């Protein structure tokens, strides 16, 4: 196995993919716990579709994709959260409304310019070749910012996640921290789209959190377990992708699904005992 990893890391594109993917997987898993508990887990799917639309427009205009997609998706995250909280359009309906519109815009712009070429397909389904050196630098810096902001605001995010009424009573500005979660999620989604693709990026948010909850009960343990599971599953998925020439994003999702089933069985056995 060591020789396989040595060969895998002899390719610069694999090194870039593993570096960025591991950082994004960790951030997505930490945020995923809060999103799953708040029943906003599908926000990742909606924002990834917005990211696809933004990336399509950026490529059509020959602009830097990440520099366009990040602010657009962040704005969409705030807008989506506002709709869910303050209108009759709630939760999944708001996500469906925005995501389907964004996909339609992206496909239309693409068809009017260059057609569905390999670059657009890589954004939809992921590609380890999509990461450039510039993307790696931007992605690592943003991932570190997301991670640090999450750690700094951990206590308030915890309070906001479990009981907004209690958090308000203790002086926490719940709206600000909901916005912070949406902001961090938006950045993580855009960074992960390069490798996982629009269609699969939400799995990095949902799977690790749900997997950890099969066994652990406390918020802190679920958080730590989710981070470890997410990074390990990503690395194993990339190894499988390298060995069998399977799509990177799909390989990572399948590994996450297998670990979820394993933890579900272990959790069932523990509960019966």
C-alpha atoms as a PDB file:
ATOM      1  CA  UNK A   1       0.000   0.000   0.000  1.00  0.00           C
ATOM      2  CA  UNK A   2       2.894   2.348   0.769  1.00  0.00           C
ATOM      3  CA  UNK A   3       4.251   1.873  -2.744  1.00  0.00           C
ATOM      4  CA  UNK A   4       0.824   2.733  -4.158  1.00  0.00           C
ATOM      5  CA  UNK A   5       0.718   5.971  -2.169  1.00  0.00           C
ATOM      6  CA  UNK A   6       4.271   6.811  -3.254  1.00  0.00           C
ATOM      7  CA  UNK A   7       3.244   6.391  -6.871  1.00  0.00           C
ATOM      8  CA  UNK A   8       0.024   8.355  -6.324  1.00  0.00           C
ATOM      9  CA  UNK A   9       1.843  11.317  -4.774  1.00  0.00           C
ATOM     10  CA  UNK A  10       4.421  11.339  -7.531  1.00  0.00           C
ATOM     11  CA  UNK A  11       1.766  13.112  -9.618  1.00  0.00           C
ATOM     12  CA  UNK A  12       1.460  16.793  -8.775  1.00  0.00           C
ATOM     13  CA  UNK A  13      -2.255  16.914  -9.604  1.00  0.00           C
ATOM     14  CA  UNK A  14      -2.923  14.183  -7.017  1.00  0.00           C
ATOM     15  CA  UNK A  15      -0.969  16.079  -4.382  1.00  0.00           C
ATOM     16  CA  UNK A  16      -3.007  19.207  -5.109  1.00  0.00           C
ATOM     17  CA  UNK A  17      -6.272  17.290  -5.021  1.00  0.00           C
ATOM     18  CA  UNK A  18      -5.502  15.535  -1.730  1.00  0.00           C
ATOM     19  CA  UNK A  19      -4.321  18.745  -0.036  1.00  0.00           C
ATOM     20  CA  UNK A  20      -7.356  20.782  -1.018  1.00  0.00           C
ATOM     21  CA  UNK A  21      -9.798  17.903  -0.665  1.00  0.00           C
ATOM     22  CA  UNK A  22      -8.655  17.039   2.855  1.00  0.00           C
ATOM     23  CA  UNK A  23      -8.926  20.665   3.985  1.00  0.00           C
ATOM     24  CA  UNK A  24     -12.376  21.078   2.420  1.00  0.00           C
ATOM     25  CA  UNK A  25     -13.561  17.712   3.794  1.00  0.00           C
ATOM     26  CA  UNK A  26     -12.601  18.745   7.327  1.00  0.00           C
ATOM     27  CA  UNK A  27     -14.410  22.097   7.056  1.00  0.00           C
ATOM     28  CA  UNK A  28     -17.478  20.508   5.448  1.00  0.00           C
ATOM     29  CA  UNK A  29     -17.722  17.864   8.164  1.00  0.00           C
ATOM     30  CA  UNK A  30     -17.522  20.385  11.009  1.00  0.00           C
ATOM     31  CA  UNK A  31     -20.162  22.615   9.436  1.00  0.00           C
ATOM     32  CA  UNK A  32     -22.234  19.580   8.469  1.00  0.00           C
ATOM     33  CA  UNK A  33     -22.958  18.672  12.084  1.00  0.00           C
ATOM     34  CA  UNK A  34     -24.638  22.026  12.706  1.00  0.00           C
ATOM     35  CA  UNK A  35     -26.415  21.981   9.342  1.00  0.00           C
ATOM     36  CA  UNK A  36     -27.795  18.465   9.870  1.00  0.00           C
ATOM     37  CA  UNK A  37     -28.994  19.247  13.394  1.00  0.00           C
ATOM     38  CA  UNK A  38     -30.625  22.490  12.185  1.00  0.00           C
ATOM     39  CA  UNK A  39     -32.192  20.586   9.255  1.00  0.00           C
ATOM     40  CA  UNK A  40     -30.343  22.701   6.724  1.00  0.00           C
ATOM     41  CA  UNK A  41     -28.328  19.754   5.385  1.00  0.00           C
ATOM     42  CA  UNK A  42     -29.497  20.226   1.785  1.00  0.00           C
ATOM     43  CA  UNK A  43     -28.272  23.806   1.717  1.00  0.00           C
ATOM     44  CA  UNK A  44     -25.007  22.424   0.356  1.00  0.00           C
ATOM     45  CA  UNK A  45     -26.803  20.980  -2.634  1.00  0.00           C
ATOM     46  CA  UNK A  46     -28.577  24.261  -3.338  1.00  0.00           C
ATOM     47  CA  UNK A  47     -25.434  26.354  -3.002  1.00  0.00           C
ATOM     48  CA  UNK A  48     -23.444  24.003  -5.231  1.00  0.00           C
ATOM     49  CA  UNK A  49     -26.000  24.554  -7.981  1.00  0.00           C
ATOM     50  CA  UNK A  50     -25.642  28.295  -7.507  1.00  0.00           C
ATOM     51  CA  UNK A  51     -21.884  27.781  -7.757  1.00  0.00           C
ATOM     52  CA  UNK A  52     -22.332  25.953 -11.042  1.00  0.00           C
ATOM     53  CA  UNK A  53     -24.292  28.870 -12.462  1.00  0.00           C
ATOM     54  CA  UNK A  54     -21.654  31.350 -11.278  1.00  0.00           C
ATOM     55  CA  UNK A  55     -18.795  29.251 -12.669  1.00  0.00           C
ATOM     56  CA  UNK A  56     -20.544  28.921 -16.021  1.00  0.00           C
ATOM     57  CA  UNK A  57     -20.915  32.696 -16.291  1.00  0.00           C
ATOM     58  CA  UNK A  58     -17.296  33.249 -15.201  1.00  0.00           C
ATOM     59  CA  UNK A  59     -15.981  30.827 -17.825  1.00  0.00           C
ATOM     60  CA  UNK A  60     -18.173  32.372 -20.518  1.00  0.00           C
ATOM     61  CA  UNK A  61     -16.677  35.784 -19.683  1.00  0.00           C
ATOM     62  CA  UNK A  62     -13.108  34.407 -19.351  1.00  0.00           C
ATOM     63  CA  UNK A  63     -12.922  35.435 -15.694  1.00  0.00           C
ATOM     64  CA  UNK A  64     -11.263  33.616 -12.777  1.00  0.00           C
ATOM     65  CA  UNK A  65     -13.900  31.031 -11.683  1.00  0.00           C
ATOM     66  CA  UNK A  66     -13.211  31.016  -7.932  1.00  0.00           C
ATOM     67  CA  UNK A  67     -13.044  34.801  -7.658  1.00  0.00           C
ATOM     68  CA  UNK A  68     -16.514  35.048  -9.192  1.00  0.00           C
ATOM     69  CA  UNK A  69     -18.129  31.999  -7.616  1.00  0.00           C
ATOM     70  CA  UNK A  70     -17.184  32.669  -3.974  1.00  0.00           C
ATOM     71  CA  UNK A  71     -18.962  36.057  -3.596  1.00  0.00           C
ATOM     72  CA  UNK A  72     -21.966  34.931  -5.665  1.00  0.00           C
ATOM     73  CA  UNK A  73     -22.497  31.794  -3.563  1.00  0.00           C
ATOM     74  CA  UNK A  74     -21.995  33.716  -0.319  1.00  0.00           C
ATOM     75  CA  UNK A  75     -24.706  36.184  -1.365  1.00  0.00           C
ATOM     76  CA  UNK A  76     -26.962  33.269  -2.350  1.00  0.00           C
ATOM     77  CA  UNK A  77     -26.409  31.662   1.081  1.00  0.00           C
ATOM     78  CA  UNK A  78     -27.511  34.826   2.873  1.00  0.00           C
ATOM     79  CA  UNK A  79     -30.484  35.199   0.537  1.00  0.00           C
ATOM     80  CA  UNK A  80     -31.498  31.560   1.017  1.00  0.00           C
ATOM     81  CA  UNK A  81     -31.293  31.826   4.793  1.00  0.00           C
ATOM     82  CA  UNK A  82     -33.336  35.044   4.741  1.00  0.00           C
ATOM     83  CA  UNK A  83     -36.039  33.442   2.591  1.00  0.00           C
ATOM     84  CA  UNK A  84     -36.236  30.393   4.871  1.00  0.00           C
ATOM     85  CA  UNK A  85     -36.573  32.488   8.022  1.00  0.00           C
ATOM     86  CA  UNK A  86     -38.744  35.392   6.961  1.00  0.00           C
ATOM     87  CA  UNK A  87     -41.158  34.240   4.270  1.00  0.00           C
ATOM     88  CA  UNK A  88     -43.751  31.609   3.495  1.00  0.00           C
ATOM     89  CA  UNK A  89     -41.214  29.751   1.357  1.00  0.00           C
ATOM     90  CA  UNK A  90     -39.523  27.396   3.808  1.00  0.00           C
ATOM     91  CA  UNK A  91     -36.527  25.059   3.882  1.00  0.00           C
ATOM     92  CA  UNK A  92     -36.450  22.581   1.035  1.00  0.00           C
ATOM     93  CA  UNK A  93     -38.794  24.652  -1.141  1.00  0.00           C
ATOM     94  CA  UNK A  94     -36.467  27.671  -0.984  1.00  0.00           C
ATOM     95  CA  UNK A  95     -33.460  25.482  -1.773  1.00  0.00           C
ATOM     96  CA  UNK A  96     -35.257  23.901  -4.731  1.00  0.00           C
ATOM     97  CA  UNK A  97     -36.328  27.298  -6.045  1.00  0.00           C
ATOM     98  CA  UNK A  98     -32.835  28.776  -6.002  1.00  0.00           C
ATOM     99  CA  UNK A  99     -30.897  25.659  -7.058  1.00  0.00           C
ATOM    100  CA  UNK A 100     -33.072  24.840 -10.074  1.00  0.00           C
ATOM    101  CA  UNK A 101     -32.946  28.468 -11.247  1.00  0.00           C
ATOM    102  CA  UNK A 102     -29.144  28.549 -10.901  1.00  0.00           C
ATOM    103  CA  UNK A 103     -28.707  25.293 -12.836  1.00  0.00           C
ATOM    104  CA  UNK A 104     -30.982  26.609 -15.595  1.00  0.00           C
ATOM    105  CA  UNK A 105     -28.940  29.817 -15.835  1.00  0.00           C
ATOM    106  CA  UNK A 106     -25.661  27.873 -15.938  1.00  0.00           C
ATOM    107  CA  UNK A 107     -26.816  25.460 -18.628  1.00  0.00           C
ATOM    108  CA  UNK A 108     -28.304  28.266 -20.733  1.00  0.00           C
ATOM    109  CA  UNK A 109     -25.166  30.409 -20.547  1.00  0.00           C
ATOM    110  CA  UNK A 110     -23.001  27.421 -21.387  1.00  0.00           C
ATOM    111  CA  UNK A 111     -25.127  26.400 -24.374  1.00  0.00           C
ATOM    112  CA  UNK A 112     -25.002  29.947 -25.756  1.00  0.00           C
ATOM    113  CA  UNK A 113     -21.212  30.146 -25.506  1.00  0.00           C
ATOM    114  CA  UNK A 114     -19.061  27.047 -25.751  1.00  0.00           C
ATOM    115  CA  UNK A 115     -21.464  24.184 -25.230  1.00  0.00           C
ATOM    116  CA  UNK A 116     -21.134  21.534 -22.529  1.00  0.00           C
ATOM    117  CA  UNK A 117     -17.379  21.092 -22.773  1.00  0.00           C
ATOM    118  CA  UNK A 118     -14.999  19.158 -20.527  1.00  0.00           C
ATOM    119  CA  UNK A 119     -14.455  22.127 -18.199  1.00  0.00           C
ATOM    120  CA  UNK A 120     -18.141  22.431 -17.367  1.00  0.00           C
ATOM    121  CA  UNK A 121     -18.432  18.673 -16.934  1.00  0.00           C
ATOM    122  CA  UNK A 122     -15.562  18.770 -14.447  1.00  0.00           C
ATOM    123  CA  UNK A 123     -17.521  21.274 -12.367  1.00  0.00           C
ATOM    124  CA  UNK A 124     -20.652  19.132 -12.490  1.00  0.00           C
ATOM    125  CA  UNK A 125     -19.012  15.802 -11.645  1.00  0.00           C
ATOM    126  CA  UNK A 126     -15.594  16.753 -10.274  1.00  0.00           C
ATOM    127  CA  UNK A 127     -12.078  16.258 -11.590  1.00  0.00           C
ATOM    128  CA  UNK A 128      -8.689  15.931  -9.875  1.00  0.00           C
ATOM    129  CA  UNK A 129      -7.197  17.679 -12.902  1.00  0.00           C
ATOM    130  CA  UNK A 130      -9.282  20.804 -12.259  1.00  0.00           C
ATOM    131  CA  UNK A 131      -7.071  22.118  -9.468  1.00  0.00           C
ATOM    132  CA  UNK A 132      -4.369  24.571 -10.550  1.00  0.00           C
ATOM    133  CA  UNK A 133      -1.557  25.853  -8.318  1.00  0.00           C
ATOM    134  CA  UNK A 134      -3.407  29.146  -7.962  1.00  0.00           C
ATOM    135  CA  UNK A 135      -6.599  27.327  -6.941  1.00  0.00           C
ATOM    136  CA  UNK A 136      -4.658  25.372  -4.320  1.00  0.00           C
ATOM    137  CA  UNK A 137      -3.288  28.529  -2.702  1.00  0.00           C
ATOM    138  CA  UNK A 138      -6.693  30.222  -2.618  1.00  0.00           C
ATOM    139  CA  UNK A 139      -8.406  27.055  -1.384  1.00  0.00           C
ATOM    140  CA  UNK A 140      -5.942  26.385   1.437  1.00  0.00           C
ATOM    141  CA  UNK A 141      -6.059  29.988   2.668  1.00  0.00           C
ATOM    142  CA  UNK A 142      -9.875  30.057   2.632  1.00  0.00           C
ATOM    143  CA  UNK A 143     -10.078  26.625   4.288  1.00  0.00           C
ATOM    144  CA  UNK A 144      -7.819  27.790   7.117  1.00  0.00           C
ATOM    145  CA  UNK A 145      -9.986  30.904   7.565  1.00  0.00           C
ATOM    146  CA  UNK A 146     -13.150  28.770   7.689  1.00  0.00           C
ATOM    147  CA  UNK A 147     -11.582  26.384  10.222  1.00  0.00           C
ATOM    148  CA  UNK A 148     -10.299  29.153  12.485  1.00  0.00           C
ATOM    149  CA  UNK A 149     -13.578  31.082  12.428  1.00  0.00           C
ATOM    150  CA  UNK A 150     -15.436  27.908  13.327  1.00  0.00           C
ATOM    151  CA  UNK A 151     -13.120  27.202  16.283  1.00  0.00           C
ATOM    152  CA  UNK A 152     -13.267  30.797  17.533  1.00  0.00           C
ATOM    153  CA  UNK A 153     -17.085  30.841  17.400  1.00  0.00           C
ATOM    154  CA  UNK A 154     -17.565  27.214  18.483  1.00  0.00           C
ATOM    155  CA  UNK A 155     -19.459  27.922  21.723  1.00  0.00           C
ATOM    156  CA  UNK A 156     -21.909  30.317  20.088  1.00  0.00           C
ATOM    157  CA  UNK A 157     -22.420  28.031  17.091  1.00  0.00           C
ATOM    158  CA  UNK A 158     -23.137  25.198  19.547  1.00  0.00           C
ATOM    159  CA  UNK A 159     -25.743  27.305  21.368  1.00  0.00           C
ATOM    160  CA  UNK A 160     -27.325  28.479  18.120  1.00  0.00           C
ATOM    161  CA  UNK A 161     -27.495  24.939  16.767  1.00  0.00           C
ATOM    162  CA  UNK A 162     -29.299  23.350  19.703  1.00  0.00           C
ATOM    163  CA  UNK A 163     -31.550  26.022  21.159  1.00  0.00           C
ATOM    164  CA  UNK A 164     -31.945  29.402  19.484  1.00  0.00           C
ATOM    165  CA  UNK A 165     -34.321  30.676  22.161  1.00  0.00           C
ATOM    166  CA  UNK A 166     -31.853  29.890  24.952  1.00  0.00           C
ATOM    167  CA  UNK A 167     -29.010  31.361  22.903  1.00  0.00           C
ATOM    168  CA  UNK A 168     -30.951  34.613  22.494  1.00  0.00           C
ATOM    169  CA  UNK A 169     -31.690  34.682  26.209  1.00  0.00           C
ATOM    170  CA  UNK A 170     -27.976  34.426  26.992  1.00  0.00           C
ATOM    171  CA  UNK A 171     -27.150  37.340  24.714  1.00  0.00           C
ATOM    172  CA  UNK A 172     -26.054  35.475  21.591  1.00  0.00           C
ATOM    173  CA  UNK A 173     -26.980  37.205  18.345  1.00  0.00           C
ATOM    174  CA  UNK A 174     -28.525  34.128  16.716  1.00  0.00           C
ATOM    175  CA  UNK A 175     -29.084  35.788  13.356  1.00  0.00           C
ATOM    176  CA  UNK A 176     -25.422  36.746  13.058  1.00  0.00           C
ATOM    177  CA  UNK A 177     -24.238  33.208  13.809  1.00  0.00           C
ATOM    178  CA  UNK A 178     -26.755  31.662  11.431  1.00  0.00           C
ATOM    179  CA  UNK A 179     -25.335  33.983   8.796  1.00  0.00           C
ATOM    180  CA  UNK A 180     -21.811  32.961   9.780  1.00  0.00           C
ATOM    181  CA  UNK A 181     -22.662  29.290   9.314  1.00  0.00           C
ATOM    182  CA  UNK A 182     -24.164  30.083   5.898  1.00  0.00           C
ATOM    183  CA  UNK A 183     -21.088  32.146   4.982  1.00  0.00           C
ATOM    184  CA  UNK A 184     -18.636  29.399   5.955  1.00  0.00           C
ATOM    185  CA  UNK A 185     -20.736  26.766   4.192  1.00  0.00           C
ATOM    186  CA  UNK A 186     -20.830  28.806   0.988  1.00  0.00           C
ATOM    187  CA  UNK A 187     -17.035  29.114   0.871  1.00  0.00           C
ATOM    188  CA  UNK A 188     -16.554  25.410   1.621  1.00  0.00           C
ATOM    189  CA  UNK A 189     -19.009  24.396  -1.098  1.00  0.00           C
ATOM    190  CA  UNK A 190     -17.274  26.455  -3.789  1.00  0.00           C
ATOM    191  CA  UNK A 191     -13.848  25.105  -2.854  1.00  0.00           C
ATOM    192  CA  UNK A 192     -15.051  21.508  -2.876  1.00  0.00           C
ATOM    193  CA  UNK A 193     -16.848  21.742  -6.214  1.00  0.00           C
ATOM    194  CA  UNK A 194     -13.571  21.555  -8.129  1.00  0.00           C
ATOM    195  CA  UNK A 195     -12.917  18.002  -6.950  1.00  0.00           C
ATOM    196  CA  UNK A 196     -16.321  16.632  -5.946  1.00  0.00           C
ATOM    197  CA  UNK A 197     -18.477  18.383  -8.539  1.00  0.00           C
ATOM    198  CA  UNK A 198     -21.812  20.166  -8.229  1.00  0.00           C
ATOM    199  CA  UNK A 199     -23.773  16.944  -7.996  1.00  0.00           C
ATOM    200  CA  UNK A 200     -21.764  15.328  -5.203  1.00  0.00           C
ATOM    201  CA  UNK A 201     -20.342  18.088  -2.993  1.00  0.00           C
ATOM    202  CA  UNK A 202     -23.260  18.017  -0.532  1.00  0.00           C
ATOM    203  CA  UNK A 203     -22.209  14.469   0.448  1.00  0.00           C
ATOM    204  CA  UNK A 204     -19.183  15.926   2.277  1.00  0.00           C
ATOM    205  CA  UNK A 205     -21.596  17.838   4.502  1.00  0.00           C
ATOM    206  CA  UNK A 206     -24.203  15.140   5.096  1.00  0.00           C
ATOM    207  CA  UNK A 207     -22.401  11.777   5.320  1.00  0.00           C
ATOM    208  CA  UNK A 208     -19.755  12.382   8.039  1.00  0.00           C
ATOM    209  CA  UNK A 209     -22.251  13.989  10.431  1.00  0.00           C
ATOM    210  CA  UNK A 210     -24.866  11.263   9.993  1.00  0.00           C
ATOM    211  CA  UNK A 211     -22.192   8.561  10.248  1.00  0.00           C
ATOM    212  CA  UNK A 212     -20.874   9.901  13.558  1.00  0.00           C
ATOM    213  CA  UNK A 213     -24.389  10.198  14.966  1.00  0.00           C
ATOM    214  CA  UNK A 214     -24.857   6.436  14.550  1.00  0.00           C
ATOM    215  CA  UNK A 215     -22.512   5.904  17.517  1.00  0.00           C
ATOM    216  CA  UNK A 216     -21.822   9.159  19.359  1.00  0.00           C
ATOM    217  CA  UNK A 217     -24.328  11.344  21.198  1.00  0.00           C
ATOM    218  CA  UNK A 218     -22.470  14.429  22.389  1.00  0.00           C
ATOM    219  CA  UNK A 219     -21.967  17.395  20.071  1.00  0.00           C
ATOM    220  CA  UNK A 220     -18.210  17.531  20.673  1.00  0.00           C
ATOM    221  CA  UNK A 221     -17.662  13.831  20.008  1.00  0.00           C
ATOM    222  CA  UNK A 222     -19.785  13.930  16.880  1.00  0.00           C
ATOM    223  CA  UNK A 223     -17.821  16.962  15.689  1.00  0.00           C
ATOM    224  CA  UNK A 224     -14.408  15.348  16.232  1.00  0.00           C
ATOM    225  CA  UNK A 225     -15.526  12.023  14.785  1.00  0.00           C
ATOM    226  CA  UNK A 226     -17.039  13.717  11.719  1.00  0.00           C
ATOM    227  CA  UNK A 227     -13.801  15.559  10.966  1.00  0.00           C
ATOM    228  CA  UNK A 228     -11.715  12.386  11.223  1.00  0.00           C
ATOM    229  CA  UNK A 229     -14.165  10.281   9.209  1.00  0.00           C
ATOM    230  CA  UNK A 230     -14.450  12.896   6.470  1.00  0.00           C
ATOM    231  CA  UNK A 231     -10.695  13.275   5.949  1.00  0.00           C
ATOM    232  CA  UNK A 232     -10.052   9.505   6.094  1.00  0.00           C
ATOM    233  CA  UNK A 233     -12.903   8.736   3.677  1.00  0.00           C
ATOM    234  CA  UNK A 234     -11.656  11.376   1.269  1.00  0.00           C
ATOM    235  CA  UNK A 235      -8.133   9.958   1.313  1.00  0.00           C
ATOM    236  CA  UNK A 236      -9.381   6.385   0.859  1.00  0.00           C
ATOM    237  CA  UNK A 237     -11.706   7.516  -1.930  1.00  0.00           C
ATOM    238  CA  UNK A 238      -8.840   9.222  -3.744  1.00  0.00           C
ATOM    239  CA  UNK A 239      -6.742   6.071  -3.390  1.00  0.00           C
ATOM    240  CA  UNK A 240      -9.555   3.965  -4.855  1.00  0.00           C
ATOM    241  CA  UNK A 241      -9.952   6.488  -7.672  1.00  0.00           C
ATOM    242  CA  UNK A 242      -6.225   6.292  -8.445  1.00  0.00           C
ATOM    243  CA  UNK A 243      -6.113   2.487  -8.361  1.00  0.00           C
ATOM    244  CA  UNK A 244      -9.204   1.799 -10.459  1.00  0.00           C
ATOM    245  CA  UNK A 245      -9.435   4.997 -12.546  1.00  0.00           C
ATOM    246  CA  UNK A 246     -12.888   5.791 -11.186  1.00  0.00           C
ATOM    247  CA  UNK A 247     -14.224   9.364 -10.851  1.00  0.00           C
ATOM    248  CA  UNK A 248     -12.768  10.977  -7.731  1.00  0.00           C
ATOM    249  CA  UNK A 249     -16.007  12.484  -6.436  1.00  0.00           C
ATOM    250  CA  UNK A 250     -18.004   9.291  -6.902  1.00  0.00           C
ATOM    251  CA  UNK A 251     -15.287   7.211  -5.225  1.00  0.00           C
ATOM    252  CA  UNK A 252     -15.278   9.462  -2.164  1.00  0.00           C
ATOM    253  CA  UNK A 253     -19.071   9.300  -1.888  1.00  0.00           C
ATOM    254  CA  UNK A 254     -19.102   5.494  -2.146  1.00  0.00           C
ATOM    255  CA  UNK A 255     -16.470   5.188   0.586  1.00  0.00           C
ATOM    256  CA  UNK A 256     -18.540   7.531   2.788  1.00  0.00           C
ATOM    257  CA  UNK A 257     -21.635   5.419   2.108  1.00  0.00           C
ATOM    258  CA  UNK A 258     -19.789   2.225   3.057  1.00  0.00           C
ATOM    259  CA  UNK A 259     -18.537   3.762   6.317  1.00  0.00           C
ATOM    260  CA  UNK A 260     -22.052   5.022   7.078  1.00  0.00           C
ATOM    261  CA  UNK A 261     -23.413   1.476   6.729  1.00  0.00           C
ATOM    262  CA  UNK A 262     -20.594   0.106   8.905  1.00  0.00           C
ATOM    263  CA  UNK A 263     -21.229   2.660  11.666  1.00  0.00           C
ATOM    264  CA  UNK A 264     -24.977   2.015  11.436  1.00  0.00           C
ATOM    265  CA  UNK A 265     -24.400  -1.688  12.080  1.00  0.00           C
ATOM    266  CA  UNK A 266     -21.986  -0.960  14.951  1.00  0.00           C
ATOM    267  CA  UNK A 267     -24.435   1.508  16.475  1.00  0.00           C
ATOM    268  CA  UNK A 268     -27.278  -1.034  16.245  1.00  0.00           C
ATOM    269  CA  UNK A 269     -25.154  -3.672  17.987  1.00  0.00           C
ATOM    270  CA  UNK A 270     -24.172  -1.224  20.750  1.00  0.00           C
ATOM    271  CA  UNK A 271     -27.795  -0.212  21.370  1.00  0.00           C
ATOM    272  CA  UNK A 272     -28.954  -3.824  21.578  1.00  0.00           C
ATOM    273  CA  UNK A 273     -26.311  -4.562  24.197  1.00  0.00           C
END
